[in-house]
Protein backbone atom coordinates (compact mmCIF):
# COMPACT_ATOMS: atom_id res chain seq x y z
CA MET A 1 -0.30 0.07 -0.03
CA SER A 2 1.32 3.43 -0.86
CA LYS A 3 1.54 6.63 1.37
CA HIS A 4 -0.89 8.45 -0.52
CA THR A 5 -3.50 4.99 -0.70
CA LEU A 6 -2.64 4.39 2.96
CA LEU A 7 -3.47 8.78 4.05
CA PHE A 8 -6.65 8.34 1.50
CA PHE A 9 -7.36 5.14 3.68
CA LEU A 10 -7.08 6.89 7.15
CA ILE A 11 -8.72 10.43 6.60
CA LEU A 12 -11.89 9.04 5.50
CA PHE A 13 -11.60 5.73 8.37
CA MET A 14 -11.57 9.16 10.78
CA ILE A 15 -14.74 11.02 8.97
CA GLY A 16 -16.29 7.64 9.37
CA THR A 17 -15.99 6.93 12.84
CA ASP A 18 -17.06 10.46 13.84
CA THR A 19 -19.94 9.90 11.40
CA PHE A 20 -21.39 7.28 13.02
CA ILE A 21 -19.95 7.36 16.83
CA ILE A 22 -23.08 9.35 18.25
CA SER A 23 -25.09 6.01 17.63
CA PRO A 24 -23.37 3.69 20.33
CA LEU A 25 -23.04 6.44 23.14
CA LEU A 26 -26.65 8.26 22.49
CA PRO A 27 -27.66 6.53 25.50
CA THR A 28 -24.83 7.86 27.72
CA LEU A 29 -24.73 11.27 26.20
CA GLN A 30 -29.15 11.91 26.64
CA GLY A 31 -28.42 11.08 30.69
CA GLU A 32 -25.15 13.59 30.24
CA PHE A 33 -26.89 16.65 29.31
CA GLY A 34 -30.72 15.45 30.30
CA VAL A 35 -32.52 15.60 27.05
CA PRO A 36 -35.94 14.02 26.25
CA THR A 37 -35.65 11.15 23.82
CA SER A 38 -37.38 12.72 21.56
CA GLN A 39 -34.42 15.16 20.97
CA ALA A 40 -31.74 13.40 21.67
CA GLY A 41 -31.28 12.10 17.91
CA TRP A 42 -30.19 15.70 16.89
CA MET A 43 -26.61 15.11 17.75
CA LEU A 44 -26.79 13.09 15.30
CA GLY A 45 -29.05 14.69 13.15
CA ALA A 46 -26.71 18.58 13.10
CA TYR A 47 -23.46 16.27 12.02
CA THR A 48 -25.98 14.96 9.10
CA LEU A 49 -27.35 17.94 8.22
CA SER A 50 -24.80 20.14 7.83
CA SER A 51 -22.86 17.34 5.99
CA ALA A 52 -26.01 17.63 3.26
CA LEU A 53 -26.27 20.87 3.09
CA PHE A 54 -23.05 22.09 2.96
CA ALA A 55 -22.37 18.90 0.37
CA LEU A 56 -24.68 20.43 -2.18
CA ILE A 57 -21.86 23.57 -2.76
CA ALA A 58 -18.34 22.09 -1.32
CA GLY A 59 -17.89 19.99 -4.54
CA PRO A 60 -18.26 22.54 -7.08
CA LEU A 61 -16.68 25.19 -5.51
CA SER A 62 -13.53 23.44 -4.73
CA ASP A 63 -13.22 22.36 -7.99
CA GLY A 64 -11.81 26.01 -8.93
CA TRP A 65 -9.70 25.88 -6.00
CA ASN A 66 -6.22 24.20 -4.40
CA ARG A 67 -7.36 20.68 -3.77
CA ARG A 68 -4.50 19.99 -1.39
CA THR A 69 -5.42 23.57 0.79
CA VAL A 70 -9.34 22.57 0.43
CA LEU A 71 -8.53 19.10 1.96
CA LEU A 72 -6.00 20.93 4.90
CA CYS A 73 -8.99 23.19 5.30
CA GLY A 74 -11.18 20.91 5.96
CA LEU A 75 -9.25 18.35 7.64
CA THR A 76 -8.20 20.69 10.39
CA GLY A 77 -11.58 22.13 10.73
CA PHE A 78 -12.41 18.80 11.65
CA ALA A 79 -10.33 17.70 13.95
CA VAL A 80 -10.64 20.96 16.24
CA SER A 81 -14.74 20.64 16.19
CA THR A 82 -14.30 17.51 16.71
CA ALA A 83 -12.15 18.02 19.98
CA LEU A 84 -14.89 20.42 20.67
CA CYS A 85 -17.62 17.73 20.74
CA GLY A 86 -15.34 16.27 23.76
CA LEU A 87 -15.55 19.85 25.67
CA ALA A 88 -20.08 20.44 24.98
CA GLU A 89 -21.34 21.54 28.20
CA ASP A 90 -25.04 20.70 27.09
CA PHE A 91 -27.19 19.70 24.73
CA TRP A 92 -26.96 22.83 22.36
CA SER A 93 -23.44 23.45 22.03
CA MET A 94 -23.10 19.39 21.65
CA CYS A 95 -25.49 20.07 18.75
CA LEU A 96 -23.51 23.04 17.21
CA PHE A 97 -20.07 20.82 17.42
CA ARG A 98 -21.73 18.18 15.29
CA PHE A 99 -23.17 20.95 12.57
CA LEU A 100 -19.35 22.20 12.58
CA ALA A 101 -17.86 18.92 11.91
CA GLY A 102 -20.39 18.38 9.67
CA ALA A 103 -19.25 20.94 7.20
CA SER A 104 -15.92 20.23 8.20
CA ALA A 105 -16.42 16.77 6.52
CA ALA A 106 -18.85 17.84 3.38
CA PHE A 107 -15.81 19.85 2.36
CA THR A 108 -12.58 17.52 2.74
CA ALA A 109 -13.59 13.61 1.56
CA PRO A 110 -14.64 14.90 -1.61
CA GLN A 111 -10.95 16.25 -1.68
CA VAL A 112 -10.15 12.96 -0.69
CA TRP A 113 -12.06 11.12 -4.19
CA ALA A 114 -10.80 14.42 -6.52
CA SER A 115 -7.28 14.15 -5.23
CA ILE A 116 -6.75 10.76 -5.90
CA PRO A 117 -6.21 10.68 -10.07
CA ALA A 118 -3.79 13.46 -9.26
CA VAL A 119 -1.43 11.61 -7.07
CA VAL A 120 -2.09 8.14 -8.12
CA PRO A 121 -0.30 6.12 -11.00
CA PRO A 122 -3.19 5.78 -13.74
CA ALA A 123 -3.41 1.76 -13.40
CA LYS A 124 -3.37 2.29 -9.67
CA ILE A 125 -6.19 4.61 -9.46
CA SER A 126 -9.38 1.65 -9.90
CA LYS A 127 -7.13 -0.17 -6.70
CA THR A 128 -7.14 3.23 -4.29
CA MET A 129 -10.37 4.29 -4.81
CA GLY A 130 -11.48 0.57 -3.51
CA ILE A 131 -8.79 1.05 -0.86
CA ALA A 132 -9.73 4.10 0.57
CA PHE A 133 -13.44 3.42 0.57
CA SER A 134 -13.27 0.61 2.58
CA GLY A 135 -12.17 3.21 5.10
CA LEU A 136 -15.85 3.54 5.53
CA ALA A 137 -16.51 0.38 5.75
CA ALA A 138 -13.44 -0.24 8.70
CA SER A 139 -14.85 2.86 10.55
CA GLN A 140 -18.41 0.75 11.03
CA ALA A 141 -16.32 -2.50 11.61
CA MET A 142 -13.05 -0.97 13.77
CA GLY A 143 -13.60 2.76 14.38
CA VAL A 144 -17.19 3.15 16.52
CA PRO A 145 -16.61 -0.52 18.23
CA LEU A 146 -12.88 1.42 19.83
CA GLY A 147 -14.63 4.65 20.21
CA SER A 148 -17.40 2.85 22.44
CA TRP A 149 -14.85 1.10 24.27
CA LEU A 150 -13.23 4.38 24.87
CA ALA A 151 -16.17 6.14 26.02
CA GLY A 152 -16.06 3.24 28.76
CA SER A 153 -13.58 6.10 31.23
CA HIS A 154 -15.61 9.26 29.35
CA TRP A 155 -17.55 10.12 26.96
CA SER A 156 -15.45 12.30 25.75
CA VAL A 157 -12.43 10.46 25.05
CA PRO A 158 -13.26 9.38 21.63
CA PHE A 159 -14.05 13.05 20.59
CA TRP A 160 -10.74 13.52 21.47
CA THR A 161 -8.38 10.62 19.84
CA ILE A 162 -10.70 11.31 16.74
CA ALA A 163 -9.56 15.19 16.87
CA GLY A 164 -6.03 14.41 17.68
CA ALA A 165 -5.43 11.86 15.10
CA SER A 166 -7.08 13.95 12.05
CA LEU A 167 -4.58 16.48 13.74
CA LEU A 168 -1.37 13.48 12.89
CA LEU A 169 -3.40 13.16 9.18
CA VAL A 170 -3.27 17.27 7.91
CA ALA A 171 0.46 17.34 8.84
CA ALA A 172 0.93 13.96 6.58
CA ALA A 173 -1.38 15.51 3.97
CA TYR A 174 0.83 18.77 4.03
CA VAL A 175 4.03 16.63 3.85
CA LEU A 176 2.98 13.83 1.53
CA LEU A 177 0.38 15.46 -0.93
CA PRO A 178 1.68 18.23 -3.54
CA ASP A 179 -0.02 21.36 -4.79
CA MET A 180 -3.02 20.41 -6.88
CA LYS A 181 -3.99 23.76 -8.91
CA PRO A 182 -7.27 24.30 -12.04
CA ASP A 183 -7.36 25.05 -15.08
CA LEU A 184 -7.70 28.60 -14.44
CA GLY A 185 -10.19 28.27 -17.92
CA LYS A 186 -12.05 25.57 -15.95
CA ALA A 187 -12.34 26.79 -12.34
CA LYS A 188 -13.93 29.78 -14.67
CA ALA A 189 -16.36 27.62 -15.80
CA GLY A 190 -17.43 25.46 -12.65
CA ARG A 191 -17.94 29.01 -10.74
CA ILE A 192 -20.60 30.71 -13.13
CA SER A 193 -22.49 27.22 -13.19
CA ILE A 194 -23.01 25.40 -10.03
CA LEU A 195 -26.44 25.57 -10.13
CA ALA A 196 -27.11 25.27 -13.30
CA ARG A 197 -25.17 21.21 -13.16
CA TYR A 198 -28.16 20.04 -10.96
CA VAL A 199 -30.95 21.46 -14.17
CA PRO A 200 -29.87 18.65 -16.38
CA LEU A 201 -30.64 15.91 -13.40
CA ALA A 202 -34.59 17.91 -12.94
CA LYS A 203 -35.72 17.63 -15.76
CA SER A 204 -34.97 13.74 -16.35
CA GLY A 205 -37.46 10.99 -14.00
CA LYS A 206 -35.06 8.28 -14.43
CA ALA A 207 -32.88 11.06 -12.28
CA ARG A 208 -35.54 11.45 -10.25
CA SER A 209 -37.09 8.12 -9.65
CA GLY A 210 -33.17 7.01 -8.47
CA PHE A 211 -33.00 9.87 -6.31
CA LEU A 212 -35.94 9.30 -4.67
CA SER A 213 -35.59 5.58 -4.25
CA TYR A 214 -31.92 6.73 -2.45
CA LEU A 215 -33.04 9.21 -0.29
CA LEU A 216 -35.93 6.44 1.04
CA LEU A 217 -33.23 3.21 1.22
CA HIS A 218 -30.78 5.62 3.03
CA LEU A 219 -34.06 7.13 5.40
CA ALA A 220 -35.09 3.47 6.03
CA VAL A 221 -31.18 2.66 7.26
CA GLY A 222 -30.55 6.29 8.70
CA THR A 223 -34.01 5.58 10.90
CA SER A 224 -33.32 1.98 12.53
CA PHE A 225 -29.36 2.92 13.13
CA ALA A 226 -30.20 6.27 14.32
CA PHE A 227 -31.49 4.62 18.02
CA LEU A 228 -30.67 0.88 17.74
CA GLY A 229 -27.96 2.10 20.69
CA LYS A 230 -30.72 3.60 22.57
CA TRP A 231 -33.21 0.33 21.91
CA MET A 232 -30.36 -2.29 22.93
CA ALA A 233 -29.22 -0.39 27.02
CA ASP A 234 -33.37 -0.19 27.34
CA ARG A 235 -34.03 -3.80 25.72
CA PHE A 236 -31.17 -5.79 27.08
CA GLY A 237 -29.38 -2.97 29.58
CA LEU A 238 -26.17 -2.60 27.32
CA PRO A 239 -23.56 -0.24 28.71
CA VAL A 240 -21.93 1.93 26.33
CA GLU A 241 -18.86 -1.01 25.70
CA GLN A 242 -21.02 -4.33 24.70
CA ILE A 243 -23.54 -1.51 22.09
CA GLY A 244 -20.25 -0.56 20.59
CA THR A 245 -19.82 -4.60 20.12
CA VAL A 246 -22.23 -4.90 18.54
CA VAL A 247 -21.98 -2.37 16.25
CA ILE A 248 -19.03 -4.80 14.36
CA PHE A 249 -21.47 -6.89 13.11
CA LEU A 250 -23.00 -3.86 10.91
CA GLY A 251 -19.44 -2.79 9.74
CA VAL A 252 -18.06 -6.19 8.80
CA GLY A 253 -21.09 -7.40 6.85
CA ASN A 254 -21.13 -3.42 5.08
CA LEU A 255 -17.36 -5.10 4.49
CA LEU A 256 -18.54 -8.63 3.82
CA GLY A 257 -21.13 -7.13 1.31
CA SER A 258 -19.34 -4.18 -0.87
CA MET A 259 -15.90 -7.58 -1.96
CA VAL A 260 -18.84 -9.90 -2.88
CA SER A 261 -21.36 -7.38 -4.98
CA ALA A 262 -19.76 -6.71 -7.84
CA TYR A 263 -19.80 -10.66 -8.04
CA LEU A 264 -23.75 -11.27 -7.63
CA THR A 265 -24.64 -8.39 -9.96
CA ARG A 266 -22.67 -10.28 -12.35
CA ARG A 267 -23.96 -14.04 -11.88
CA LEU A 268 -27.95 -12.78 -11.16
CA GLY A 269 -28.60 -10.01 -12.70
CA VAL A 270 -28.55 -6.23 -11.36
CA ILE A 271 -32.59 -6.22 -11.12
CA PRO A 272 -32.76 -9.80 -9.57
CA THR A 273 -29.38 -8.25 -7.29
CA ILE A 274 -31.51 -5.18 -6.18
CA ALA A 275 -35.02 -7.32 -5.59
CA GLY A 276 -33.64 -10.11 -3.65
CA GLY A 277 -31.74 -7.53 -1.51
CA MET A 278 -34.47 -5.67 -1.00
CA ALA A 279 -37.02 -7.69 0.60
CA ALA A 280 -35.15 -9.57 2.25
CA LEU A 281 -34.46 -5.79 3.93
CA VAL A 282 -38.17 -5.17 4.21
CA ALA A 283 -38.18 -8.98 6.51
CA LEU A 284 -34.97 -8.08 8.43
CA TYR A 285 -36.12 -4.18 9.30
CA ALA A 286 -39.78 -5.48 10.47
CA ALA A 287 -38.67 -8.70 12.40
CA THR A 288 -35.30 -7.69 14.32
CA PRO A 289 -36.92 -5.23 16.62
CA TYR A 290 -38.76 -8.91 18.19
CA ALA A 291 -35.58 -10.61 18.70
CA ASP A 292 -35.32 -11.99 21.96
CA SER A 293 -31.65 -11.93 22.87
CA ILE A 294 -27.93 -10.03 21.78
CA LEU A 295 -27.10 -13.17 19.79
CA ALA A 296 -30.49 -12.91 17.57
CA VAL A 297 -29.98 -9.07 16.69
CA ARG A 298 -26.01 -8.84 15.89
CA LEU A 299 -26.63 -11.83 13.28
CA ALA A 300 -30.05 -9.99 11.80
CA TYR A 301 -27.87 -6.88 11.67
CA LEU A 302 -24.41 -8.71 10.39
CA VAL A 303 -26.70 -10.34 7.27
CA LEU A 304 -28.90 -6.79 7.05
CA PHE A 305 -25.73 -4.50 6.86
CA THR A 306 -23.86 -7.01 4.07
CA THR A 307 -27.22 -6.72 2.81
CA LEU A 308 -26.98 -3.15 2.47
CA GLY A 309 -22.91 -3.37 1.11
CA ILE A 310 -24.19 -5.21 -1.62
CA LEU A 311 -26.98 -3.18 -3.45
CA PHE A 312 -25.15 0.45 -2.37
CA PRO A 313 -22.83 -0.76 -5.19
CA ILE A 314 -24.81 -0.63 -6.99
CA PHE A 315 -27.58 2.62 -6.81
CA MET A 316 -24.39 4.34 -6.69
CA LEU A 317 -23.14 3.02 -9.86
CA THR A 318 -26.51 3.69 -11.71
CA LEU A 319 -26.71 6.56 -10.74
CA THR A 320 -23.48 7.95 -11.91
CA SER A 321 -24.62 6.19 -14.86
CA LEU A 322 -27.41 8.78 -15.28
CA ASP A 323 -25.07 11.74 -17.10
CA PRO A 324 -21.41 10.35 -17.51
CA SER A 325 -20.43 14.32 -18.23
CA ILE A 326 -21.77 15.66 -14.13
CA ARG A 327 -21.14 13.00 -12.53
CA GLY A 328 -19.43 14.98 -9.39
CA THR A 329 -22.31 17.12 -9.13
CA ILE A 330 -24.26 13.95 -9.59
CA SER A 331 -22.11 12.12 -6.37
CA SER A 332 -22.41 15.58 -4.52
CA LEU A 333 -26.16 15.76 -4.31
CA ALA A 334 -26.48 11.57 -3.77
CA ASN A 335 -23.94 12.94 -0.41
CA SER A 336 -26.66 15.46 0.19
CA THR A 337 -29.75 13.05 -0.72
CA MET A 338 -27.70 10.59 1.87
CA ASN A 339 -27.11 13.18 5.17
CA GLY A 340 -29.83 14.45 4.58
CA ALA A 341 -32.87 11.09 5.21
CA ASN A 342 -30.14 10.48 7.59
CA THR A 343 -31.39 13.40 9.60
CA LEU A 344 -35.23 13.59 8.95
CA GLY A 345 -34.65 9.51 10.00
CA ALA A 346 -32.78 11.22 13.58
CA TRP A 347 -35.87 12.88 14.08
CA ILE A 348 -38.35 10.13 12.93
CA ALA A 349 -37.12 7.62 15.23
CA GLY A 350 -37.20 9.54 17.82
CA LEU A 351 -40.71 10.78 17.54
CA LEU A 352 -41.80 6.92 16.77
CA TYR A 353 -39.62 5.30 19.56
CA MET A 354 -41.45 7.89 21.92
CA GLN A 355 -44.78 7.81 20.90
CA ALA A 356 -45.86 4.97 18.45
CA GLY A 357 -44.53 1.59 20.12
CA GLY A 358 -40.83 1.72 20.32
CA TYR A 359 -38.48 0.48 17.74
CA ALA A 360 -41.09 -2.36 16.68
CA ALA A 361 -42.76 0.36 14.70
CA VAL A 362 -38.68 1.92 13.67
CA GLY A 363 -38.41 -1.53 12.06
CA ILE A 364 -41.59 -0.90 10.27
CA PHE A 365 -40.84 2.77 9.28
CA SER A 366 -37.72 1.69 7.99
CA ALA A 367 -39.20 -1.58 5.82
CA ALA A 368 -42.47 0.11 4.65
CA CYS A 369 -39.57 2.74 3.26
CA ILE A 370 -37.17 0.27 1.80
CA ALA A 371 -40.77 -1.41 -0.66
CA LEU A 372 -41.78 2.14 -1.76
CA SER A 373 -37.99 2.24 -2.39
CA LEU A 374 -37.72 -0.38 -4.86
CA GLY A 375 -41.40 -0.12 -6.07
CA ALA A 376 -39.88 3.97 -6.92
CA LEU A 377 -36.55 2.58 -8.46
CA LEU A 378 -38.23 -0.33 -10.85
CA LEU A 379 -41.59 2.22 -11.96
CA GLY A 380 -39.32 5.11 -12.78
CA GLY A 381 -37.12 3.05 -15.15
CA THR A 382 -34.05 4.13 -13.30
CA LEU A 383 -31.91 0.37 -13.75
CA GLN A 384 -32.89 0.58 -17.80
CA ALA A 385 -29.50 3.51 -17.69
CA LYS A 386 -26.32 2.05 -19.14
CA PRO A 387 -23.88 1.30 -17.14
CA ALA A 388 -20.90 3.05 -15.78
CA SER A 389 -18.02 2.36 -18.10
CA SER A 390 -15.88 3.29 -14.82
CA ASP A 391 -15.85 1.54 -11.52
CA ALA A 392 -13.32 4.13 -10.13
CA GLU A 393 -15.47 6.68 -10.62
CA SER A 394 -18.69 4.78 -9.20
CA SER A 395 -16.28 3.66 -6.22
CA ALA A 396 -15.86 7.60 -6.07
CA SER A 397 -19.37 8.25 -5.66
CA ALA A 398 -19.59 6.37 -3.28
């Protein structure tokens, strides 16, 4: 593994860990700050809302700047705002610092994907993209559980650990990455036509149905995940360290699924793979809240996130195939859609958990979203889009 590849892997590993760390810490932070369950989800939602909003402008804007400078500034802001989370004194300050961390992450992650073709030999671009993307899956399998174990001493320790490691990555990026200045003519065109880039997608029926399906898929995942830690603490009495152990199964499943996704698609075809996978998700989301042992929960979420790991690359490949000339815009919109769905999901999860039957209601809602997502994808004709030819670009989009 080259030094650049390792750097990109670690940057995304830190961002992924910070993104998901709130879920297993949610019961602890709720008790620390004395907030009701219906509001606690906003400690997760503040981050994802910020990421969703800034993702719409971060990618297009950075096309006109030195990518090395943008990455260094974004990663520094990410480290500082994450450290501030460890110093939060109440619910509102935590939400503010999480909002700042999400904004910083929105400016950092796109630079990883955009920098890889500039610093990696062409023959290794696809492999480097795949390794970098595995940093996100690894953050669920290792980073989040590690953070949960560190929280056993104090809830602030994971935030300070992520912040310290991120500052070390800032120093590494400063030394390892060259300047990556844009072509002046393209930069000027990019600044003029940022909003116009979204017009072709708004006019396309396939794009509208594809992004609606993607929104519903992430709404299901975000709603279920937001209160997973809270539910396991309430139902099984698990402390934060053991909740983190359960999250390992989510990350391992996601990683396994992404590794076999291309193989299954070749063997079964796109539509059978998606239809079969989403049917399995409907059943799993509806049934898991009734699990009577933590072992059953672990196995259910292992299968569930393995299935999601299979489906997500197919979704991104399909979306980026809609219009190859604006893949960057599609990627930014997909990232914003994902984070927007997670933000909405955190809010919905709080309402359902407290007022509509607990985690069983959350499971039914997620199952319904998956069913609607499959319907939108099939009825809208999105899967008829021509497959993209570049594995590297589709990996970057994810």
